[in-house]
């Protein structure tokens, strides 16, 4: 199986903009990535 780099897609909604990360194996590191990007905030993961 080949390694596929994750892709980040920006959803441009002005002050409500957010990123979507797409790729294999992202859930295993999701907690660390979320805490890095949103320290002290709440987040939802949709699979």
Protein backbone atom coordinates (compact mmCIF):
# COMPACT_ATOMS: atom_id res chain seq x y z
CA UNK A 1 0.00 0.00 0.00
CA UNK A 2 1.38 3.43 -0.86
CA UNK A 3 1.60 6.28 1.64
CA UNK A 4 -0.90 9.03 0.93
CA UNK A 5 -0.30 12.44 2.47
CA UNK A 6 -3.33 14.00 4.16
CA UNK A 7 -5.01 16.85 2.32
CA UNK A 8 -6.34 19.92 4.13
CA UNK A 9 -9.34 21.66 2.56
CA UNK A 10 -10.25 25.13 3.80
CA UNK A 11 -13.96 25.87 4.09
CA UNK A 12 -14.01 29.64 3.63
CA UNK A 13 -16.85 31.12 5.64
CA UNK A 14 -15.27 34.38 6.73
CA UNK A 15 -14.96 34.48 10.51
CA UNK A 16 -16.51 30.98 10.69
CA UNK A 17 -13.95 29.36 8.34
CA UNK A 18 -12.53 25.95 9.23
CA UNK A 19 -10.27 23.26 7.80
CA UNK A 20 -11.17 19.69 6.89
CA UNK A 21 -8.34 17.15 6.93
CA UNK A 22 -8.82 14.19 4.57
CA UNK A 23 -6.64 11.10 4.48
CA UNK A 24 -6.06 7.59 5.76
CA UNK A 25 -5.11 6.96 9.38
CA UNK A 26 -5.95 10.43 10.70
CA UNK A 27 -8.15 9.24 13.57
CA UNK A 28 -5.22 7.72 15.48
CA UNK A 29 -3.66 11.17 15.89
CA UNK A 30 -6.86 13.20 16.00
CA UNK A 31 -6.72 14.07 19.70
CA UNK A 32 -3.23 15.51 19.44
CA UNK A 33 -4.03 17.44 16.26
CA UNK A 34 -7.23 18.90 17.71
CA UNK A 35 -5.54 19.96 20.94
CA UNK A 36 -2.73 21.59 18.96
CA UNK A 37 -5.12 23.56 16.73
CA UNK A 38 -7.80 24.37 19.32
CA UNK A 39 -6.24 24.59 22.78
CA UNK A 40 -8.92 24.78 25.47
CA UNK A 41 -11.79 24.54 22.96
CA UNK A 42 -14.38 21.91 22.10
CA UNK A 43 -14.46 20.08 18.78
CA UNK A 44 -16.45 17.42 16.94
CA UNK A 45 -15.04 14.59 14.85
CA UNK A 46 -17.26 13.28 12.06
CA UNK A 47 -16.32 10.01 10.42
